[in-house]
All heavy atoms as atom14 arrays in JSON, in Angstrom:
{
  "sequence": "LYGMRTSLLVATVSVLAAFGIGATVGLI",
  "atom14_mask": [
    [1, 1, 1, 1, 1, 1, 1, 1, 0, 0, 0, 0, 0, 0],
    [1, 1, 1, 1, 1, 1, 1, 1, 1, 1, 1, 1, 0, 0],
    [1, 1, 1, 1, 0, 0, 0, 0, 0, 0, 0, 0, 0, 0],
    [1, 1, 1, 1, 1, 1, 1, 1, 0, 0, 0, 0, 0, 0],
    [1, 1, 1, 1, 1, 1, 1, 1, 1, 1, 1, 0, 0, 0],
    [1, 1, 1, 1, 1, 1, 1, 0, 0, 0, 0, 0, 0, 0],
    [1, 1, 1, 1, 1, 1, 0, 0, 0, 0, 0, 0, 0, 0],
    [1, 1, 1, 1, 1, 1, 1, 1, 0, 0, 0, 0, 0, 0],
    [1, 1, 1, 1, 1, 1, 1, 1, 0, 0, 0, 0, 0, 0],
    [1, 1, 1, 1, 1, 1, 1, 0, 0, 0, 0, 0, 0, 0],
    [1, 1, 1, 1, 1, 0, 0, 0, 0, 0, 0, 0, 0, 0],
    [1, 1, 1, 1, 1, 1, 1, 0, 0, 0, 0, 0, 0, 0],
    [1, 1, 1, 1, 1, 1, 1, 0, 0, 0, 0, 0, 0, 0],
    [1, 1, 1, 1, 1, 1, 0, 0, 0, 0, 0, 0, 0, 0],
    [1, 1, 1, 1, 1, 1, 1, 0, 0, 0, 0, 0, 0, 0],
    [1, 1, 1, 1, 1, 1, 1, 1, 0, 0, 0, 0, 0, 0],
    [1, 1, 1, 1, 1, 0, 0, 0, 0, 0, 0, 0, 0, 0],
    [1, 1, 1, 1, 1, 0, 0, 0, 0, 0, 0, 0, 0, 0],
    [1, 1, 1, 1, 1, 1, 1, 1, 1, 1, 1, 0, 0, 0],
    [1, 1, 1, 1, 0, 0, 0, 0, 0, 0, 0, 0, 0, 0],
    [1, 1, 1, 1, 1, 1, 1, 1, 0, 0, 0, 0, 0, 0],
    [1, 1, 1, 1, 0, 0, 0, 0, 0, 0, 0, 0, 0, 0],
    [1, 1, 1, 1, 1, 0, 0, 0, 0, 0, 0, 0, 0, 0],
    [1, 1, 1, 1, 1, 1, 1, 0, 0, 0, 0, 0, 0, 0],
    [1, 1, 1, 1, 1, 1, 1, 0, 0, 0, 0, 0, 0, 0],
    [1, 1, 1, 1, 0, 0, 0, 0, 0, 0, 0, 0, 0, 0],
    [1, 1, 1, 1, 1, 1, 1, 1, 0, 0, 0, 0, 0, 0],
    [1, 1, 1, 1, 1, 1, 1, 1, 0, 0, 0, 0, 0, 0]
  ],
  "atom14_positions": [
    [[-10.89, 6.18, 8.57], [-11.87, 5.76, 7.68], [-12.37, 6.9, 6.83], [-12.53, 6.74, 5.57], [-13.1, 5.15, 8.45], [-12.81, 3.87, 9.16], [-14.01, 3.43, 10.05], [-12.48, 2.73, 8.19], [0.0, 0.0, 0.0], [0.0, 0.0, 0.0], [0.0, 0.0, 0.0], [0.0, 0.0, 0.0], [0.0, 0.0, 0.0], [0.0, 0.0, 0.0]],
    [[-12.6, 8.07, 7.39], [-12.99, 9.22, 6.63], [-11.82, 9.77, 5.67], [-12.13, 10.19, 4.59], [-13.52, 10.3, 7.52], [-14.92, 10.21, 7.96], [-15.31, 9.43, 8.99], [-15.92, 10.95, 7.21], [-16.65, 9.35, 9.4], [-17.28, 10.82, 7.55], [-17.61, 10.05, 8.67], [-18.94, 9.92, 9.03], [0.0, 0.0, 0.0], [0.0, 0.0, 0.0]],
    [[-10.61, 9.61, 6.23], [-9.51, 10.04, 5.35], [-9.33, 9.2, 4.16], [-8.93, 9.67, 3.07], [0.0, 0.0, 0.0], [0.0, 0.0, 0.0], [0.0, 0.0, 0.0], [0.0, 0.0, 0.0], [0.0, 0.0, 0.0], [0.0, 0.0, 0.0], [0.0, 0.0, 0.0], [0.0, 0.0, 0.0], [0.0, 0.0, 0.0], [0.0, 0.0, 0.0]],
    [[-9.63, 7.9, 4.27], [-9.51, 7.03, 3.08], [-10.49, 7.38, 2.01], [-10.19, 7.24, 0.79], [-9.75, 5.6, 3.49], [-8.67, 4.95, 4.22], [-8.8, 3.1, 4.39], [-10.36, 2.95, 5.23], [0.0, 0.0, 0.0], [0.0, 0.0, 0.0], [0.0, 0.0, 0.0], [0.0, 0.0, 0.0], [0.0, 0.0, 0.0], [0.0, 0.0, 0.0]],
    [[-11.58, 7.97, 2.39], [-12.56, 8.39, 1.35], [-11.99, 9.48, 0.46], [-12.11, 9.46, -0.75], [-13.96, 8.91, 2.07], [-14.68, 7.79, 2.77], [-15.69, 8.43, 3.66], [-16.73, 9.21, 2.95], [-17.86, 8.69, 2.43], [-18.05, 7.38, 2.53], [-18.68, 9.48, 1.71], [0.0, 0.0, 0.0], [0.0, 0.0, 0.0], [0.0, 0.0, 0.0]],
    [[-11.42, 10.47, 1.09], [-10.77, 11.56, 0.35], [-9.6, 11.03, -0.52], [-9.47, 11.44, -1.66], [-10.29, 12.72, 1.32], [-11.39, 13.11, 2.09], [-9.72, 13.76, 0.52], [0.0, 0.0, 0.0], [0.0, 0.0, 0.0], [0.0, 0.0, 0.0], [0.0, 0.0, 0.0], [0.0, 0.0, 0.0], [0.0, 0.0, 0.0], [0.0, 0.0, 0.0]],
    [[-8.71, 10.26, 0.12], [-7.56, 9.78, -0.6], [-7.91, 8.92, -1.83], [-7.39, 9.09, -2.9], [-6.66, 8.99, 0.31], [-6.22, 9.74, 1.37], [0.0, 0.0, 0.0], [0.0, 0.0, 0.0], [0.0, 0.0, 0.0], [0.0, 0.0, 0.0], [0.0, 0.0, 0.0], [0.0, 0.0, 0.0], [0.0, 0.0, 0.0], [0.0, 0.0, 0.0]],
    [[-8.91, 8.0, -1.66], [-9.37, 7.17, -2.8], [-10.05, 8.02, -3.9], [-9.9, 7.74, -5.07], [-10.31, 6.08, -2.29], [-9.65, 5.01, -1.41], [-10.76, 4.02, -0.94], [-8.6, 4.24, -2.22], [0.0, 0.0, 0.0], [0.0, 0.0, 0.0], [0.0, 0.0, 0.0], [0.0, 0.0, 0.0], [0.0, 0.0, 0.0], [0.0, 0.0, 0.0]],
    [[-10.81, 9.03, -3.43], [-11.51, 9.91, -4.46], [-10.51, 10.68, -5.28], [-10.51, 10.66, -6.49], [-12.47, 10.83, -3.71], [-13.08, 11.92, -4.64], [-13.99, 11.34, -5.66], [-13.8, 12.94, -3.72], [0.0, 0.0, 0.0], [0.0, 0.0, 0.0], [0.0, 0.0, 0.0], [0.0, 0.0, 0.0], [0.0, 0.0, 0.0], [0.0, 0.0, 0.0]],
    [[-9.55, 11.31, -4.55], [-8.51, 12.07, -5.29], [-7.65, 11.21, -6.23], [-7.43, 11.53, -7.35], [-7.64, 12.84, -4.25], [-6.44, 13.45, -4.98], [-8.47, 13.9, -3.49], [0.0, 0.0, 0.0], [0.0, 0.0, 0.0], [0.0, 0.0, 0.0], [0.0, 0.0, 0.0], [0.0, 0.0, 0.0], [0.0, 0.0, 0.0], [0.0, 0.0, 0.0]],
    [[-7.22, 10.08, -5.76], [-6.42, 9.21, -6.45], [-7.14, 8.67, -7.73], [-6.55, 8.59, -8.82], [-5.76, 8.07, -5.58], [0.0, 0.0, 0.0], [0.0, 0.0, 0.0], [0.0, 0.0, 0.0], [0.0, 0.0, 0.0], [0.0, 0.0, 0.0], [0.0, 0.0, 0.0], [0.0, 0.0, 0.0], [0.0, 0.0, 0.0], [0.0, 0.0, 0.0]],
    [[-8.27, 8.13, -7.51], [-9.03, 7.53, -8.51], [-9.35, 8.51, -9.71], [-9.19, 8.21, -10.83], [-10.37, 6.89, -8.01], [-10.06, 5.9, -7.04], [-11.13, 6.17, -9.18], [0.0, 0.0, 0.0], [0.0, 0.0, 0.0], [0.0, 0.0, 0.0], [0.0, 0.0, 0.0], [0.0, 0.0, 0.0], [0.0, 0.0, 0.0], [0.0, 0.0, 0.0]],
    [[-9.9, 9.67, -9.26], [-10.29, 10.68, -10.29], [-9.09, 11.12, -11.15], [-9.03, 11.26, -12.3], [-11.01, 11.84, -9.67], [-11.25, 12.97, -10.68], [-12.33, 11.4, -9.1], [0.0, 0.0, 0.0], [0.0, 0.0, 0.0], [0.0, 0.0, 0.0], [0.0, 0.0, 0.0], [0.0, 0.0, 0.0], [0.0, 0.0, 0.0], [0.0, 0.0, 0.0]],
    [[-7.96, 11.43, -10.35], [-6.76, 11.9, -11.11], [-6.16, 10.88, -11.96], [-5.74, 11.2, -13.06], [-5.77, 12.45, -10.02], [-5.28, 11.27, -9.18], [0.0, 0.0, 0.0], [0.0, 0.0, 0.0], [0.0, 0.0, 0.0], [0.0, 0.0, 0.0], [0.0, 0.0, 0.0], [0.0, 0.0, 0.0], [0.0, 0.0, 0.0], [0.0, 0.0, 0.0]],
    [[-6.1, 9.58, -11.52], [-5.5, 8.55, -12.37], [-6.35, 8.34, -13.62], [-5.81, 8.15, -14.73], [-5.32, 7.28, -11.61], [-5.03, 6.15, -12.47], [-4.24, 7.44, -10.54], [0.0, 0.0, 0.0], [0.0, 0.0, 0.0], [0.0, 0.0, 0.0], [0.0, 0.0, 0.0], [0.0, 0.0, 0.0], [0.0, 0.0, 0.0], [0.0, 0.0, 0.0]],
    [[-7.68, 8.27, -13.47], [-8.57, 8.11, -14.63], [-8.4, 9.26, -15.69], [-8.35, 8.96, -16.87], [-9.99, 7.94, -14.17], [-10.41, 6.68, -13.46], [-11.86, 6.73, -12.99], [-10.17, 5.47, -14.32], [0.0, 0.0, 0.0], [0.0, 0.0, 0.0], [0.0, 0.0, 0.0], [0.0, 0.0, 0.0], [0.0, 0.0, 0.0], [0.0, 0.0, 0.0]],
    [[-8.34, 10.49, -15.15], [-8.16, 11.59, -16.06], [-6.84, 11.57, -16.74], [-6.69, 11.83, -17.99], [-8.37, 12.87, -15.34], [0.0, 0.0, 0.0], [0.0, 0.0, 0.0], [0.0, 0.0, 0.0], [0.0, 0.0, 0.0], [0.0, 0.0, 0.0], [0.0, 0.0, 0.0], [0.0, 0.0, 0.0], [0.0, 0.0, 0.0], [0.0, 0.0, 0.0]],
    [[-5.77, 11.36, -15.98], [-4.46, 11.24, -16.48], [-4.37, 10.08, -17.51], [-3.64, 10.18, -18.5], [-3.41, 11.02, -15.42], [0.0, 0.0, 0.0], [0.0, 0.0, 0.0], [0.0, 0.0, 0.0], [0.0, 0.0, 0.0], [0.0, 0.0, 0.0], [0.0, 0.0, 0.0], [0.0, 0.0, 0.0], [0.0, 0.0, 0.0], [0.0, 0.0, 0.0]],
    [[-5.04, 8.97, -17.22], [-5.02, 7.83, -18.18], [-5.61, 8.26, -19.48], [-5.04, 7.91, -20.59], [-5.86, 6.72, -17.56], [-5.91, 5.47, -18.39], [-5.07, 4.32, -18.02], [-6.77, 5.39, -19.49], [-5.19, 3.21, -18.76], [-6.81, 4.21, -20.16], [-6.04, 3.13, -19.86], [0.0, 0.0, 0.0], [0.0, 0.0, 0.0], [0.0, 0.0, 0.0]],
    [[-6.81, 8.91, -19.42], [-7.39, 9.35, -20.68], [-6.61, 10.3, -21.47], [-6.45, 10.17, -22.72], [0.0, 0.0, 0.0], [0.0, 0.0, 0.0], [0.0, 0.0, 0.0], [0.0, 0.0, 0.0], [0.0, 0.0, 0.0], [0.0, 0.0, 0.0], [0.0, 0.0, 0.0], [0.0, 0.0, 0.0], [0.0, 0.0, 0.0], [0.0, 0.0, 0.0]],
    [[-6.08, 11.31, -20.82], [-5.25, 12.36, -21.54], [-3.96, 11.76, -22.05], [-3.59, 11.92, -23.22], [-4.9, 13.51, -20.56], [-6.2, 14.27, -20.17], [-4.0, 14.48, -21.21], [-6.03, 15.29, -19.09], [0.0, 0.0, 0.0], [0.0, 0.0, 0.0], [0.0, 0.0, 0.0], [0.0, 0.0, 0.0], [0.0, 0.0, 0.0], [0.0, 0.0, 0.0]],
    [[-3.25, 11.03, -21.2], [-1.97, 10.4, -21.58], [-2.12, 9.37, -22.73], [-1.35, 9.43, -23.69], [0.0, 0.0, 0.0], [0.0, 0.0, 0.0], [0.0, 0.0, 0.0], [0.0, 0.0, 0.0], [0.0, 0.0, 0.0], [0.0, 0.0, 0.0], [0.0, 0.0, 0.0], [0.0, 0.0, 0.0], [0.0, 0.0, 0.0], [0.0, 0.0, 0.0]],
    [[-3.11, 8.56, -22.61], [-3.31, 7.5, -23.63], [-3.69, 8.19, -24.97], [-3.13, 7.75, -26.04], [-4.41, 6.55, -23.23], [0.0, 0.0, 0.0], [0.0, 0.0, 0.0], [0.0, 0.0, 0.0], [0.0, 0.0, 0.0], [0.0, 0.0, 0.0], [0.0, 0.0, 0.0], [0.0, 0.0, 0.0], [0.0, 0.0, 0.0], [0.0, 0.0, 0.0]],
    [[-4.47, 9.23, -24.95], [-4.82, 9.87, -26.15], [-3.59, 10.51, -26.84], [-3.42, 10.38, -28.01], [-5.9, 10.93, -25.89], [-7.08, 10.36, -25.3], [-6.29, 11.7, -27.23], [0.0, 0.0, 0.0], [0.0, 0.0, 0.0], [0.0, 0.0, 0.0], [0.0, 0.0, 0.0], [0.0, 0.0, 0.0], [0.0, 0.0, 0.0], [0.0, 0.0, 0.0]],
    [[-2.79, 11.2, -26.01], [-1.6, 11.86, -26.53], [-0.63, 10.75, -27.19], [-0.12, 10.96, -28.24], [-0.9, 12.65, -25.49], [0.51, 13.17, -25.97], [-1.79, 13.88, -25.07], [0.0, 0.0, 0.0], [0.0, 0.0, 0.0], [0.0, 0.0, 0.0], [0.0, 0.0, 0.0], [0.0, 0.0, 0.0], [0.0, 0.0, 0.0], [0.0, 0.0, 0.0]],
    [[-0.43, 9.7, -26.41], [0.48, 8.63, -26.89], [-0.05, 8.02, -28.19], [0.84, 7.72, -29.05], [0.0, 0.0, 0.0], [0.0, 0.0, 0.0], [0.0, 0.0, 0.0], [0.0, 0.0, 0.0], [0.0, 0.0, 0.0], [0.0, 0.0, 0.0], [0.0, 0.0, 0.0], [0.0, 0.0, 0.0], [0.0, 0.0, 0.0], [0.0, 0.0, 0.0]],
    [[-1.3, 7.72, -28.19], [-1.84, 7.11, -29.45], [-1.7, 7.94, -30.66], [-1.33, 7.53, -31.76], [-3.28, 6.65, -29.23], [-3.48, 5.53, -28.24], [-5.0, 5.38, -28.04], [-2.87, 4.24, -28.73], [0.0, 0.0, 0.0], [0.0, 0.0, 0.0], [0.0, 0.0, 0.0], [0.0, 0.0, 0.0], [0.0, 0.0, 0.0], [0.0, 0.0, 0.0]],
    [[-2.03, 9.22, -30.5], [-1.89, 10.17, -31.59], [-0.45, 10.31, -32.07], [-0.21, 10.36, -33.25], [-2.46, 11.54, -31.19], [-3.95, 11.45, -30.98], [-2.13, 12.62, -32.21], [-4.64, 12.73, -30.42], [0.0, 0.0, 0.0], [0.0, 0.0, 0.0], [0.0, 0.0, 0.0], [0.0, 0.0, 0.0], [0.0, 0.0, 0.0], [0.0, 0.0, 0.0]]
  ]
}
């Protein structure tokens, strides 16, 4: 249960940031 907190935090933050950077680069 505690491990899921870390995994979800790392995955969610990294995917959102990668989404923003990658989408911006692709659109430009």
